[in-house]
Amino acid sequence: MTTIKNWALALLKSFHALKDENLLWEQNNQEQRTRLKHTQILAAKTLQAQLKKKSVILEHELTLLRTSNDAKVAMLKTKCKQDIKDYKEYLNSLEILKNSIQNSFDHLPEAVAFTIHHHAKLLLNQMWETDNFEHKIHHELQLIKFMTTIHEDTHRHLEEGISSESIPEKTLRLIQNKPTF
């Protein structure tokens, strides 16, 4: 029984020795552990502050982008509305030219006036739909030349009192010789 008692005492001593060693290690390293915890807390707070600062900066940049995009959208809407208005005015002036042809050359079949009008609309649409600036200018010049020729033909017909059988020759010649770009 004494051996069991000795063995239990030895075990108890080993247990207390381990506890004493652990306590000693805790005491020796407490300052370092405290510093590490403190450093960890400071790092977490610094990271949190940096994240908050970046969040504010990003929110500000996002607000600026929204404002800029809103302004661009408003400008684009205004430009589109103006483009639609301009396009309608072009169509109205083409309609006036068609009526002028019909009035000046009343002996011509309506199909001729509609063909001339249709050709003018094609030139207008080509000018309107192209994104290439050079092509746009080219089509615009074609449209101006075509409309001017129509005006000259109708004006010449009215001023000179040419026979009732005359036709808008220059205009029809332009349609036949339509250059492509």
Protein backbone atom coordinates (compact mmCIF):
# COMPACT_ATOMS: atom_id res chain seq x y z
CA MET A 1 0.00 0.00 0.00
CA THR A 2 2.90 2.26 0.63
CA THR A 3 3.99 1.83 -2.94
CA ILE A 4 0.60 2.94 -4.12
CA LYS A 5 0.78 5.81 -1.68
CA ASN A 6 4.30 6.67 -2.87
CA TRP A 7 3.23 6.33 -6.44
CA ALA A 8 0.15 8.59 -5.80
CA LEU A 9 2.33 11.14 -3.98
CA ALA A 10 4.82 11.10 -6.86
CA LEU A 11 1.96 11.60 -9.29
CA LEU A 12 0.58 14.43 -7.18
CA LYS A 13 4.04 16.03 -6.98
CA SER A 14 4.43 15.74 -10.79
CA PHE A 15 1.00 17.28 -11.25
CA HIS A 16 1.86 20.18 -8.88
CA ALA A 17 5.23 20.58 -10.58
CA LEU A 18 3.54 20.85 -13.96
CA LYS A 19 1.05 23.36 -12.56
CA ASP A 20 3.89 25.35 -10.98
CA GLU A 21 5.82 25.25 -14.25
CA ASN A 22 2.72 26.37 -16.16
CA LEU A 23 2.11 29.18 -13.67
CA LEU A 24 5.75 30.25 -13.92
CA TRP A 25 5.53 30.23 -17.73
CA GLU A 26 2.29 32.26 -17.53
CA GLN A 27 3.99 34.80 -15.22
CA ASN A 28 7.09 35.03 -17.40
CA ASN A 29 5.11 35.46 -20.61
CA GLN A 30 2.20 37.54 -19.28
CA GLU A 31 3.75 40.80 -20.39
CA GLN A 32 4.40 39.45 -23.88
CA ARG A 33 0.87 38.03 -24.13
CA THR A 34 -0.57 41.34 -22.95
CA ARG A 35 1.51 43.19 -25.55
CA LEU A 36 0.35 40.79 -28.27
CA LYS A 37 -3.31 41.20 -27.26
CA HIS A 38 -2.85 44.98 -27.17
CA THR A 39 -1.14 44.94 -30.58
CA GLN A 40 -3.91 42.73 -31.95
CA ILE A 41 -6.60 45.10 -30.63
CA LEU A 42 -4.76 48.13 -32.07
CA ALA A 43 -4.33 46.39 -35.42
CA ALA A 44 -8.04 45.53 -35.51
CA LYS A 45 -8.99 49.13 -34.66
CA THR A 46 -6.52 50.50 -37.23
CA LEU A 47 -7.89 48.15 -39.87
CA GLN A 48 -11.44 49.12 -38.94
CA ALA A 49 -10.54 52.83 -39.20
CA GLN A 50 -8.86 52.29 -42.58
CA LEU A 51 -11.86 50.35 -43.85
CA LYS A 52 -14.20 53.08 -42.67
CA LYS A 53 -12.04 55.74 -44.34
CA LYS A 54 -11.91 53.76 -47.60
CA SER A 55 -15.65 53.21 -47.38
CA VAL A 56 -16.24 56.96 -47.06
CA ILE A 57 -13.86 57.63 -49.99
CA LEU A 58 -15.56 54.99 -52.14
CA GLU A 59 -19.00 56.33 -51.24
CA HIS A 60 -17.83 59.82 -52.22
CA GLU A 61 -16.43 58.54 -55.53
CA LEU A 62 -19.63 56.61 -56.15
CA THR A 63 -21.66 59.75 -55.50
CA LEU A 64 -19.47 61.68 -57.95
CA LEU A 65 -19.90 58.95 -60.58
CA ARG A 66 -23.66 58.92 -60.06
CA THR A 67 -23.80 62.69 -60.39
CA SER A 68 -21.62 62.60 -63.49
CA ASN A 69 -23.69 59.80 -65.05
CA ASP A 70 -26.93 61.59 -64.21
CA ALA A 71 -25.60 64.72 -65.92
CA LYS A 72 -24.51 62.70 -68.96
CA VAL A 73 -27.90 60.99 -69.17
CA ALA A 74 -29.69 64.34 -68.90
CA MET A 75 -27.47 65.79 -71.62
CA LEU A 76 -28.02 62.75 -73.82
CA LYS A 77 -31.80 62.96 -73.33
CA THR A 78 -31.72 66.65 -74.23
CA LYS A 79 -29.57 65.92 -77.28
CA CYS A 80 -31.90 63.11 -78.37
CA LYS A 81 -34.95 65.33 -77.97
CA GLN A 82 -33.23 68.02 -80.05
CA ASP A 83 -32.21 65.42 -82.64
CA ILE A 84 -35.81 64.21 -82.89
CA LYS A 85 -37.01 67.80 -83.26
CA ASP A 86 -34.38 68.46 -85.96
CA TYR A 87 -35.27 65.24 -87.76
CA LYS A 88 -38.96 66.16 -87.76
CA GLU A 89 -38.09 69.59 -89.17
CA TYR A 90 -36.06 67.93 -91.93
CA LEU A 91 -39.01 65.67 -92.73
CA ASN A 92 -41.35 68.68 -92.78
CA SER A 93 -39.08 70.53 -95.20
CA LEU A 94 -38.91 67.44 -97.42
CA GLU A 95 -42.70 67.32 -97.36
CA ILE A 96 -42.79 70.98 -98.42
CA LEU A 97 -40.40 70.20 -101.28
CA LYS A 98 -42.61 67.27 -102.35
CA ASN A 99 -45.64 69.58 -102.34
CA SER A 100 -43.66 72.15 -104.29
CA ILE A 101 -42.82 69.53 -106.92
CA GLN A 102 -46.45 68.41 -107.07
CA ASN A 103 -47.63 72.02 -107.46
CA SER A 104 -44.97 73.00 -109.99
CA PHE A 105 -45.19 69.84 -112.05
CA ASP A 106 -48.87 69.04 -111.61
CA HIS A 107 -48.92 67.10 -114.87
CA LEU A 108 -46.43 64.54 -113.49
CA PRO A 109 -47.73 61.35 -111.96
CA GLU A 110 -47.76 61.41 -108.16
CA ALA A 111 -45.31 58.52 -108.18
CA VAL A 112 -42.58 60.82 -109.54
CA ALA A 113 -43.05 63.29 -106.71
CA PHE A 114 -43.10 60.42 -104.20
CA THR A 115 -39.95 58.94 -105.74
CA ILE A 116 -38.15 62.25 -105.41
CA HIS A 117 -39.44 62.61 -101.86
CA HIS A 118 -38.42 59.03 -101.05
CA HIS A 119 -34.92 59.62 -102.42
CA ALA A 120 -34.56 62.74 -100.29
CA LYS A 121 -35.66 60.74 -97.23
CA LEU A 122 -33.07 58.06 -98.03
CA LEU A 123 -30.35 60.71 -98.18
CA LEU A 124 -31.60 62.16 -94.90
CA ASN A 125 -31.60 58.73 -93.22
CA GLN A 126 -28.12 57.94 -94.50
CA MET A 127 -26.89 61.22 -93.07
CA TRP A 128 -28.74 60.68 -89.81
CA GLU A 129 -27.76 57.08 -89.16
CA THR A 130 -24.04 57.14 -89.89
CA ASP A 131 -21.60 57.47 -87.01
CA ASN A 132 -18.63 58.27 -89.21
CA PHE A 133 -18.19 62.05 -89.30
CA GLU A 134 -16.80 62.13 -92.86
CA HIS A 135 -19.68 60.03 -94.14
CA LYS A 136 -22.17 62.21 -92.28
CA ILE A 137 -20.77 65.36 -93.93
CA HIS A 138 -20.75 63.64 -97.33
CA HIS A 139 -24.41 62.59 -96.98
CA GLU A 140 -25.35 66.02 -95.70
CA LEU A 141 -23.74 67.63 -98.74
CA GLN A 142 -25.59 65.18 -101.00
CA LEU A 143 -28.88 66.04 -99.30
CA ILE A 144 -28.22 69.79 -99.60
CA LYS A 145 -27.30 69.39 -103.27
CA PHE A 146 -30.40 67.31 -103.89
CA MET A 147 -32.73 69.74 -102.12
CA THR A 148 -31.13 72.70 -103.89
CA THR A 149 -31.58 70.98 -107.23
CA ILE A 150 -35.25 70.31 -106.48
CA HIS A 151 -35.71 73.95 -105.53
CA GLU A 152 -33.93 75.11 -108.73
CA ASP A 153 -36.07 72.82 -110.90
CA THR A 154 -39.34 74.00 -109.35
CA HIS A 155 -38.25 77.66 -109.30
CA ARG A 156 -37.04 77.50 -112.94
CA HIS A 157 -40.30 75.91 -113.97
CA LEU A 158 -42.37 78.62 -112.28
CA GLU A 159 -40.21 81.58 -113.42
CA GLU A 160 -39.67 80.57 -116.98
CA GLY A 161 -43.18 79.29 -117.51
CA ILE A 162 -41.81 76.25 -119.24
CA SER A 163 -44.34 74.07 -120.99
CA SER A 164 -46.69 72.03 -118.94
CA GLU A 165 -44.96 68.89 -120.18
CA SER A 166 -41.58 69.66 -118.63
CA ILE A 167 -40.09 67.53 -115.87
CA PRO A 168 -37.65 68.19 -113.01
CA GLU A 169 -34.72 67.06 -115.16
CA LYS A 170 -31.81 67.94 -112.88
CA THR A 171 -33.46 66.29 -109.89
CA LEU A 172 -34.22 63.10 -111.78
CA ARG A 173 -30.68 63.06 -113.20
CA LEU A 174 -29.30 63.27 -109.63
CA ILE A 175 -31.40 60.28 -108.61
CA GLN A 176 -30.16 58.28 -111.60
CA ASN A 177 -26.50 59.18 -110.99
CA LYS A 178 -26.61 58.86 -107.21
CA PRO A 179 -23.00 58.56 -106.02
CA THR A 180 -22.36 56.09 -103.23
CA PHE A 181 -19.95 56.60 -100.36
